[in-house]
């Protein structure tokens, strides 16, 4: 049964935006659509739209209950092994739409690392083939919405789904144009200042690095240096909804205090009321109203050398409001990260440590000139 948030006209509209503006489907192309139970109604809309465009769609359906039972009955390695028929399908696929799952994100986060590694054992070969063949892929976060995840992030699941659909409908080309204007300022600037009425006053430095725009527009194939998925930099992929520009900052400089206005969502839980203080480019103090033990655990694993400035981001999506894991996309939101930043053009290998904070209604200045200002 479709979720209450499902609307066939909206689903068809979303399929049209993704297939024409992001994946740029052409007549005669092969399109593989991977879905889970909760996103099957949306996946069928993609089937119809692909056929309307003259393409040839094929659906892979994952059943969530069977997925979890498989771990117990057949072992996690049964999910991490791919048969010859699926490898052959991947080799002949031009574009891939992945309604990423499973939906029970908290349960997935509780799995032992060895179990998760066994489940994902196929990924290196999968992405190697995708890189080699020039596969174009869109990963839709809609498949990660479930009751358990909504409870963990304190949001209504139907409102969450509606927001993700509306945010995916935003014209990616328009967001990309906005990102290009900001990219020029971030690329050429030297000093960066963030202020907020909550007491935030943080000074960072830029190093003329190339910003990364995630707008829903597929990157050009650029010598294997594109791709959103860490460890597979040549992949022609986007994650949807999209809408943020990020750039690595000077890892050696950071002065001041930053206080989050939005929760920090992770696969392990939610952190609220965060505050960081930086001196001489190092994190010298941190507090959280709740969830701080998650940060403390990750920091202990990473080590103090990674508690340095990482990257800065600016949100571009006018339809994101409360969607967990997407708050950095809120239009005008400022995202500040620590630790690993090589993915965004920096020099720090974070080994999975890249905590972040989100501020809305903040002011950001580059070389003393305003770039983003508080609403109202």
Protein backbone atom coordinates (compact mmCIF):
# COMPACT_ATOMS: atom_id res chain seq x y z
CA UNK A 1 0.00 0.00 0.00
CA UNK A 2 1.43 3.41 -0.92
CA UNK A 3 2.43 5.73 1.92
CA UNK A 4 -0.05 8.47 2.78
CA UNK A 5 2.41 10.99 1.35
CA UNK A 6 2.33 9.29 -2.06
CA UNK A 7 0.82 11.20 -4.94
CA UNK A 8 0.98 9.73 -8.43
CA UNK A 9 1.16 13.15 -10.15
CA UNK A 10 4.02 14.18 -7.80
CA UNK A 11 5.78 10.85 -8.34
CA UNK A 12 5.51 11.23 -12.13
CA UNK A 13 6.78 14.80 -11.88
CA UNK A 14 9.73 13.69 -9.74
CA UNK A 15 10.55 10.93 -12.20
CA UNK A 16 10.51 13.42 -15.05
CA UNK A 17 12.91 15.80 -13.26
CA UNK A 18 15.36 13.03 -12.29
CA UNK A 19 15.31 11.21 -15.63
CA UNK A 20 15.44 14.27 -17.89
CA UNK A 21 17.35 16.93 -15.94
CA UNK A 22 19.71 14.78 -13.85
CA UNK A 23 20.26 11.52 -15.72
CA UNK A 24 19.44 12.93 -19.18
CA UNK A 25 17.88 9.71 -20.41
CA UNK A 26 17.90 9.17 -24.17
CA UNK A 27 15.67 6.91 -26.31
CA UNK A 28 16.88 3.33 -26.43
CA UNK A 29 18.88 3.49 -23.19
CA UNK A 30 18.64 0.83 -20.50
CA UNK A 31 17.52 2.10 -17.09
CA UNK A 32 17.74 -0.03 -13.95
CA UNK A 33 15.56 1.04 -11.02
CA UNK A 34 16.37 -0.48 -7.63
CA UNK A 35 13.66 -0.10 -5.02
CA UNK A 36 12.47 -1.26 -1.61
CA UNK A 37 8.92 -1.99 -0.46
CA UNK A 38 8.25 1.53 0.80
CA UNK A 39 9.37 3.18 -2.46
CA UNK A 40 7.81 0.76 -4.95
CA UNK A 41 4.97 3.19 -5.87
CA UNK A 42 7.54 5.87 -6.70
CA UNK A 43 9.64 3.36 -8.65
CA UNK A 44 6.68 2.47 -10.87
CA UNK A 45 6.35 6.16 -11.76
CA UNK A 46 9.97 6.03 -12.96
CA UNK A 47 9.09 2.98 -15.08
CA UNK A 48 6.29 4.91 -16.79
CA UNK A 49 8.40 8.01 -17.36
CA UNK A 50 11.34 5.98 -18.71
CA UNK A 51 9.02 4.30 -21.20
CA UNK A 52 7.56 7.67 -22.20
CA UNK A 53 11.10 8.80 -22.99
CA UNK A 54 11.69 5.74 -25.16
CA UNK A 55 14.05 4.04 -22.69
CA UNK A 56 13.90 0.45 -21.41
CA UNK A 57 13.37 0.22 -17.62
CA UNK A 58 13.94 -2.82 -15.41
CA UNK A 59 13.09 -2.94 -11.69
CA UNK A 60 15.05 -4.67 -8.91
CA UNK A 61 12.87 -5.05 -5.80
CA UNK A 62 14.31 -5.50 -2.29
CA UNK A 63 11.97 -6.76 0.43
CA UNK A 64 12.98 -5.24 3.77
CA UNK A 65 11.72 -8.08 5.97
CA UNK A 66 13.57 -10.66 3.86
CA UNK A 67 16.70 -8.49 3.93
CA UNK A 68 16.87 -8.61 7.73
CA UNK A 69 15.93 -12.31 7.88
CA UNK A 70 18.68 -13.10 5.39
CA UNK A 71 21.31 -11.84 7.84
CA UNK A 72 20.12 -14.33 10.46
CA UNK A 73 19.23 -17.26 8.22
CA UNK A 74 21.84 -17.14 5.44
CA UNK A 75 24.44 -14.85 6.98
CA UNK A 76 25.48 -11.32 5.95
CA UNK A 77 27.75 -12.70 3.24
CA UNK A 78 24.63 -13.79 1.35
CA UNK A 79 23.79 -10.11 0.84
CA UNK A 80 27.34 -9.18 -0.08
CA UNK A 81 27.63 -11.68 -2.92
CA UNK A 82 26.35 -10.81 -6.39
CA UNK A 83 25.50 -13.38 -9.08
CA UNK A 84 26.61 -13.40 -12.70
CA UNK A 85 23.18 -12.28 -13.88
CA UNK A 86 23.35 -9.08 -11.80
CA UNK A 87 26.90 -8.30 -12.90
CA UNK A 88 25.75 -8.72 -16.51
CA UNK A 89 22.82 -6.37 -15.87
CA UNK A 90 25.15 -3.73 -14.47
CA UNK A 91 27.48 -4.00 -17.46
CA UNK A 92 24.57 -3.26 -19.81
CA UNK A 93 22.88 -0.49 -17.79
CA UNK A 94 23.20 3.09 -19.01
CA UNK A 95 21.51 4.79 -16.04
CA UNK A 96 20.74 3.57 -12.53
CA UNK A 97 18.06 4.92 -10.19
CA UNK A 98 18.65 3.68 -6.65
CA UNK A 99 15.98 4.17 -4.00
CA UNK A 100 18.61 3.57 -1.35
CA UNK A 101 17.66 1.35 1.61
CA UNK A 102 17.02 -0.27 4.02
CA UNK A 103 14.61 2.08 5.77
CA UNK A 104 15.48 0.97 9.31
CA UNK A 105 18.54 3.18 9.60
CA UNK A 106 18.91 2.81 13.42
CA UNK A 107 18.95 -0.98 13.13
CA UNK A 108 21.53 -0.78 10.39
CA UNK A 109 23.65 1.53 12.56
CA UNK A 110 23.64 -1.06 15.38
CA UNK A 111 25.08 -3.81 13.18
CA UNK A 112 28.64 -4.86 14.06
CA UNK A 113 31.27 -3.48 11.72
CA UNK A 114 32.15 -7.01 10.53
CA UNK A 115 28.52 -7.61 9.57
CA UNK A 116 28.26 -4.36 7.65
CA UNK A 117 31.52 -5.08 5.84
CA UNK A 118 30.22 -8.51 4.79
CA UNK A 119 26.93 -7.01 3.53
CA UNK A 120 28.78 -4.42 1.45
CA UNK A 121 31.55 -6.71 0.20
CA UNK A 122 30.32 -6.41 -3.41
CA UNK A 123 30.67 -2.62 -3.54
CA UNK A 124 34.25 -2.27 -4.77
CA UNK A 125 33.58 -4.40 -7.84
CA UNK A 126 30.18 -2.77 -8.37
CA UNK A 127 31.63 0.72 -8.45
CA UNK A 128 34.64 -0.37 -10.50
CA UNK A 129 32.25 -1.56 -13.22
CA UNK A 130 30.16 1.61 -12.90
CA UNK A 131 33.30 3.74 -13.29
CA UNK A 132 34.52 1.78 -16.29
CA UNK A 133 31.22 1.80 -18.16
CA UNK A 134 30.37 5.45 -17.42
CA UNK A 135 27.18 4.53 -15.59
CA UNK A 136 25.02 7.53 -14.63
CA UNK A 137 23.43 7.05 -11.22
CA UNK A 138 20.96 8.90 -9.00
CA UNK A 139 20.54 7.76 -5.39
CA UNK A 140 17.25 8.88 -3.83
CA UNK A 141 17.17 9.19 -0.05
CA UNK A 142 13.43 8.49 0.00
CA UNK A 143 14.14 4.79 0.64
CA UNK A 144 15.79 5.61 3.97
CA UNK A 145 12.57 6.93 5.50
CA UNK A 146 10.96 4.55 7.98
CA UNK A 147 9.14 4.66 11.30
CA UNK A 148 12.23 3.72 13.32
CA UNK A 149 14.38 6.37 11.64
CA UNK A 150 11.64 9.00 11.99
CA UNK A 151 11.37 8.27 15.70
CA UNK A 152 15.14 8.50 16.15
CA UNK A 153 15.24 11.87 14.36
CA UNK A 154 12.01 13.16 15.94
CA UNK A 155 10.16 13.85 12.69
CA UNK A 156 6.87 12.71 11.18
CA UNK A 157 7.66 10.10 8.50
CA UNK A 158 4.97 11.30 6.09
CA UNK A 159 6.07 14.93 6.38
CA UNK A 160 9.65 13.72 5.87
CA UNK A 161 8.70 11.91 2.66
CA UNK A 162 6.75 14.88 1.31
CA UNK A 163 9.70 17.17 1.96
CA UNK A 164 12.13 14.86 0.18
CA UNK A 165 9.87 14.64 -2.86
CA UNK A 166 9.34 18.43 -3.01
CA UNK A 167 13.08 19.03 -2.59
CA UNK A 168 13.88 16.60 -5.42
CA UNK A 169 11.49 18.55 -7.66
CA UNK A 170 13.59 21.72 -7.37
CA UNK A 171 15.24 22.49 -10.70
CA UNK A 172 18.83 21.18 -10.41
CA UNK A 173 20.04 23.51 -13.18
CA UNK A 174 18.83 26.57 -11.26
CA UNK A 175 20.54 25.38 -8.07
CA UNK A 176 23.72 24.73 -10.01
CA UNK A 177 23.75 28.28 -11.35
CA UNK A 178 23.39 29.62 -7.81
CA UNK A 179 26.21 27.33 -6.70
CA UNK A 180 28.51 28.60 -9.44
CA UNK A 181 28.16 32.18 -8.19
CA UNK A 182 29.05 31.13 -4.64
CA UNK A 183 31.89 28.95 -5.92
CA UNK A 184 33.61 31.96 -7.42
CA UNK A 185 33.61 33.75 -4.05
CA UNK A 186 34.81 30.66 -2.17
CA UNK A 187 37.53 29.94 -4.71
CA UNK A 188 38.99 33.45 -4.76
CA UNK A 189 38.51 34.40 -1.11
CA UNK A 190 41.06 34.30 1.70
CA UNK A 191 39.31 34.97 5.01
CA UNK A 192 35.92 33.66 6.11
CA UNK A 193 33.81 34.82 9.05
CA UNK A 194 30.57 33.33 10.44
CA UNK A 195 28.38 35.20 12.93
CA UNK A 196 25.02 34.47 14.53
CA UNK A 197 22.91 36.11 17.20
CA UNK A 198 23.32 32.96 19.34
CA UNK A 199 26.93 33.90 20.08
CA UNK A 200 28.62 32.24 17.12
CA UNK A 201 31.72 34.08 15.92
CA UNK A 202 34.07 31.85 13.96
CA UNK A 203 37.02 32.85 11.78
CA UNK A 204 38.41 30.47 9.16
CA UNK A 205 40.69 30.77 6.14
CA UNK A 206 40.25 29.65 2.55
CA UNK A 207 43.05 28.21 0.42
CA UNK A 208 41.78 28.86 -3.13
CA UNK A 209 40.50 25.29 -3.42
CA UNK A 210 37.88 24.18 -5.90
CA UNK A 211 34.40 24.07 -4.30
CA UNK A 212 32.15 21.08 -4.85
CA UNK A 213 28.58 21.76 -5.96
CA UNK A 214 25.99 19.08 -5.24
CA UNK A 215 22.96 20.38 -7.13
CA UNK A 216 21.48 17.32 -8.78
CA UNK A 217 23.40 18.04 -11.99
CA UNK A 218 25.67 15.15 -12.94
CA UNK A 219 29.35 16.12 -12.92
CA UNK A 220 31.36 15.90 -16.12
CA UNK A 221 33.57 12.85 -16.44
CA UNK A 222 36.86 14.46 -15.45
CA UNK A 223 39.78 12.08 -15.37
CA UNK A 224 38.22 9.95 -12.64
CA UNK A 225 37.93 12.88 -10.20
CA UNK A 226 34.15 13.13 -10.02
CA UNK A 227 31.73 11.16 -7.87
CA UNK A 228 29.99 11.59 -4.54
CA UNK A 229 30.69 8.18 -3.02
CA UNK A 230 33.90 8.19 -1.02
CA UNK A 231 36.52 5.78 -2.32
CA UNK A 232 35.03 5.75 -5.83
CA UNK A 233 35.94 9.19 -7.21
CA UNK A 234 35.22 8.50 -10.88
CA UNK A 235 31.56 7.60 -10.48
CA UNK A 236 29.03 9.76 -12.33
CA UNK A 237 26.49 9.94 -9.53
CA UNK A 238 24.31 12.31 -7.55
CA UNK A 239 22.43 11.92 -4.29
CA UNK A 240 18.90 13.34 -4.23
CA UNK A 241 17.60 15.64 -2.91
CA UNK A 242 20.64 17.78 -3.57
CA UNK A 243 21.53 21.39 -2.87
CA UNK A 244 24.77 22.30 -1.11
CA UNK A 245 28.16 23.74 -2.05
CA UNK A 246 31.15 22.64 0.03
CA UNK A 247 34.81 23.59 0.07
CA UNK A 248 37.73 22.50 2.24
CA UNK A 249 39.16 25.27 4.42
CA UNK A 250 42.66 25.83 5.80
CA UNK A 251 43.15 22.94 8.21
CA UNK A 252 45.63 24.89 10.34
CA UNK A 253 43.52 27.95 11.13
CA UNK A 254 40.37 28.31 13.21
CA UNK A 255 39.48 30.88 15.87
CA UNK A 256 36.27 31.39 17.78
CA UNK A 257 33.04 29.67 18.72
CA UNK A 258 30.25 28.06 16.72
CA UNK A 259 26.85 27.10 18.19
CA UNK A 260 24.49 24.95 16.16
CA UNK A 261 20.92 26.05 15.53
CA UNK A 262 19.93 22.68 14.02
CA UNK A 263 20.37 19.10 15.23
CA UNK A 264 23.24 17.03 13.89
CA UNK A 265 21.85 13.79 12.43
CA UNK A 266 24.01 10.66 12.17
CA UNK A 267 23.28 7.01 11.48
CA UNK A 268 23.97 6.35 15.17
CA UNK A 269 21.62 9.03 16.53
CA UNK A 270 20.94 12.73 16.85
CA UNK A 271 23.04 15.38 18.59
CA UNK A 272 21.47 18.64 19.77
CA UNK A 273 22.66 21.92 21.26
CA UNK A 274 26.19 21.59 19.97
CA UNK A 275 28.95 24.12 20.65
CA UNK A 276 32.58 24.04 19.53
CA UNK A 277 35.40 26.37 20.50
CA UNK A 278 38.54 26.55 18.35
CA UNK A 279 41.88 28.10 19.18
CA UNK A 280 45.05 28.01 17.07
CA UNK A 281 43.28 25.77 14.56
CA UNK A 282 42.32 23.14 17.14
CA UNK A 283 39.12 22.14 18.90
CA UNK A 284 39.73 23.06 22.55
CA UNK A 285 36.22 22.66 23.95
CA UNK A 286 32.95 21.04 22.92
CA UNK A 287 29.55 20.55 24.55
CA UNK A 288 26.19 19.11 23.50
CA UNK A 289 22.79 19.28 25.12
CA UNK A 290 22.14 15.67 24.07
CA UNK A 291 23.99 13.01 22.10
CA UNK A 292 27.44 14.27 23.06
CA UNK A 293 28.58 10.74 23.84
CA UNK A 294 28.41 9.97 20.11
CA UNK A 295 30.81 12.82 19.35
CA UNK A 296 33.11 11.83 22.24
CA UNK A 297 33.28 8.25 20.99
CA UNK A 298 34.13 9.27 17.44
CA UNK A 299 36.70 11.81 18.61
CA UNK A 300 38.38 9.21 20.82
CA UNK A 301 38.59 6.83 17.87
CA UNK A 302 39.89 9.51 15.49
CA UNK A 303 42.39 11.19 17.79
CA UNK A 304 42.93 14.88 18.58
CA UNK A 305 44.93 15.55 15.41
CA UNK A 306 41.69 15.29 13.43
CA UNK A 307 39.89 17.84 15.61
CA UNK A 308 40.80 20.61 13.17
CA UNK A 309 38.77 22.65 10.67
CA UNK A 310 37.56 20.60 7.73
CA UNK A 311 35.13 22.29 5.36
CA UNK A 312 32.43 24.91 5.01
CA UNK A 313 29.13 24.50 3.20
CA UNK A 314 26.23 26.70 2.06
CA UNK A 315 22.74 25.30 1.47
CA UNK A 316 21.02 25.80 -1.90
CA UNK A 317 17.67 23.96 -1.69
CA UNK A 318 14.59 26.13 -0.95
CA UNK A 319 12.38 23.14 -0.12
CA UNK A 320 14.46 21.53 2.64
CA UNK A 321 13.21 22.47 6.13
CA UNK A 322 13.61 19.64 8.64
CA UNK A 323 14.63 16.56 6.66
CA UNK A 324 17.17 14.58 8.72
CA UNK A 325 20.62 14.16 7.14
CA UNK A 326 19.71 16.95 4.68
CA UNK A 327 19.81 20.07 6.88
CA UNK A 328 23.01 21.29 5.25
CA UNK A 329 20.88 21.84 2.13
CA UNK A 330 18.51 24.34 3.80
CA UNK A 331 18.67 27.47 1.66
CA UNK A 332 21.28 29.79 3.18
CA UNK A 333 22.27 27.36 5.94
CA UNK A 334 25.94 27.30 6.93
CA UNK A 335 27.59 23.92 7.54
CA UNK A 336 30.89 23.72 9.46
CA UNK A 337 32.83 20.46 9.62
CA UNK A 338 35.89 19.13 11.41
CA UNK A 339 38.26 16.34 10.48
CA UNK A 340 38.35 14.59 7.14
CA UNK A 341 38.04 16.96 4.19
CA UNK A 342 39.86 15.31 1.30
CA UNK A 343 36.50 14.57 -0.32
CA UNK A 344 35.93 18.35 -0.54
CA UNK A 345 39.40 19.17 -1.86
CA UNK A 346 41.40 19.24 1.39
CA UNK A 347 44.38 17.32 2.72
CA UNK A 348 42.99 15.49 5.76
CA UNK A 349 42.07 11.81 5.62
CA UNK A 350 39.39 11.65 8.28
CA UNK A 351 39.02 7.86 8.59
CA UNK A 352 35.28 8.41 8.88
CA UNK A 353 35.58 11.41 11.24
CA UNK A 354 33.91 14.49 9.79
CA UNK A 355 31.42 15.81 12.36
CA UNK A 356 29.39 18.84 11.39
CA UNK A 357 27.19 21.64 12.73
CA UNK A 358 24.42 23.52 10.93
CA UNK A 359 23.45 27.16 11.45
CA UNK A 360 20.42 28.84 9.90
CA UNK A 361 19.87 32.61 9.81
CA UNK A 362 23.62 33.14 10.13
CA UNK A 363 25.86 35.68 8.41
CA UNK A 364 28.84 34.55 6.35
CA UNK A 365 31.44 37.01 5.07
CA UNK A 366 34.37 36.38 2.74
CA UNK A 367 37.16 38.96 2.90
CA UNK A 368 34.81 41.15 4.90
CA UNK A 369 32.03 41.17 2.30
CA UNK A 370 28.66 39.50 2.97
CA UNK A 371 27.87 36.31 1.04
CA UNK A 372 25.00 34.90 3.13
CA UNK A 373 22.95 36.94 5.58
CA UNK A 374 20.34 36.25 8.25
CA UNK A 375 16.72 36.01 7.11
CA UNK A 376 14.58 39.02 7.99
